């Protein structure tokens, strides 16, 4: 469970998304 939480945080805050032109979802939301 802890690993899943860490993965979700990584996925949403650190992993660049091709669909967002290399931005993270957090960057997309806050900009």
C-alpha atoms as a PDB file:
ATOM      1  CA  UNK A   1       0.000   0.000   0.000  1.00  0.00           C
ATOM      2  CA  UNK A   2       2.799   2.426   0.848  1.00  0.00           C
ATOM      3  CA  UNK A   3       4.477   1.608  -2.445  1.00  0.00           C
ATOM      4  CA  UNK A   4       1.250   2.375  -4.287  1.00  0.00           C
ATOM      5  CA  UNK A   5       1.007   5.787  -2.600  1.00  0.00           C
ATOM      6  CA  UNK A   6       4.604   6.541  -3.544  1.00  0.00           C
ATOM      7  CA  UNK A   7       3.909   5.482  -7.124  1.00  0.00           C
ATOM      8  CA  UNK A   8       0.837   7.712  -7.379  1.00  0.00           C
ATOM      9  CA  UNK A   9       2.807  10.670  -6.026  1.00  0.00           C
ATOM     10  CA  UNK A  10       5.614   9.988  -8.497  1.00  0.00           C
ATOM     11  CA  UNK A  11       3.172   9.568 -11.369  1.00  0.00           C
ATOM     12  CA  UNK A  12       1.307  12.795 -10.626  1.00  0.00           C
ATOM     13  CA  UNK A  13       4.167  15.037  -9.502  1.00  0.00           C
ATOM     14  CA  UNK A  14       7.362  13.857 -11.177  1.00  0.00           C
ATOM     15  CA  UNK A  15       6.691  11.781 -14.262  1.00  0.00           C
ATOM     16  CA  UNK A  16       6.514  13.756 -17.518  1.00  0.00           C
ATOM     17  CA  UNK A  17       3.443  12.884 -19.576  1.00  0.00           C
ATOM     18  CA  UNK A  18       3.593  12.716 -23.357  1.00  0.00           C
ATOM     19  CA  UNK A  19      -0.058  13.745 -23.569  1.00  0.00           C
ATOM     20  CA  UNK A  20       0.789  16.927 -21.672  1.00  0.00           C
ATOM     21  CA  UNK A  21       3.826  17.814 -23.822  1.00  0.00           C
ATOM     22  CA  UNK A  22       6.212  16.481 -21.209  1.00  0.00           C
ATOM     23  CA  UNK A  23       4.603  18.295 -18.297  1.00  0.00           C
ATOM     24  CA  UNK A  24       3.469  16.582 -15.128  1.00  0.00           C
ATOM     25  CA  UNK A  25      -0.236  16.608 -14.254  1.00  0.00           C
ATOM     26  CA  UNK A  26       0.469  18.982 -11.360  1.00  0.00           C
ATOM     27  CA  UNK A  27       2.169  21.446 -13.704  1.00  0.00           C
ATOM     28  CA  UNK A  28      -0.781  21.177 -16.066  1.00  0.00           C
ATOM     29  CA  UNK A  29      -3.264  21.932 -13.292  1.00  0.00           C
ATOM     30  CA  UNK A  30      -1.319  24.789 -11.708  1.00  0.00           C
ATOM     31  CA  UNK A  31      -0.435  26.606 -14.960  1.00  0.00           C
END
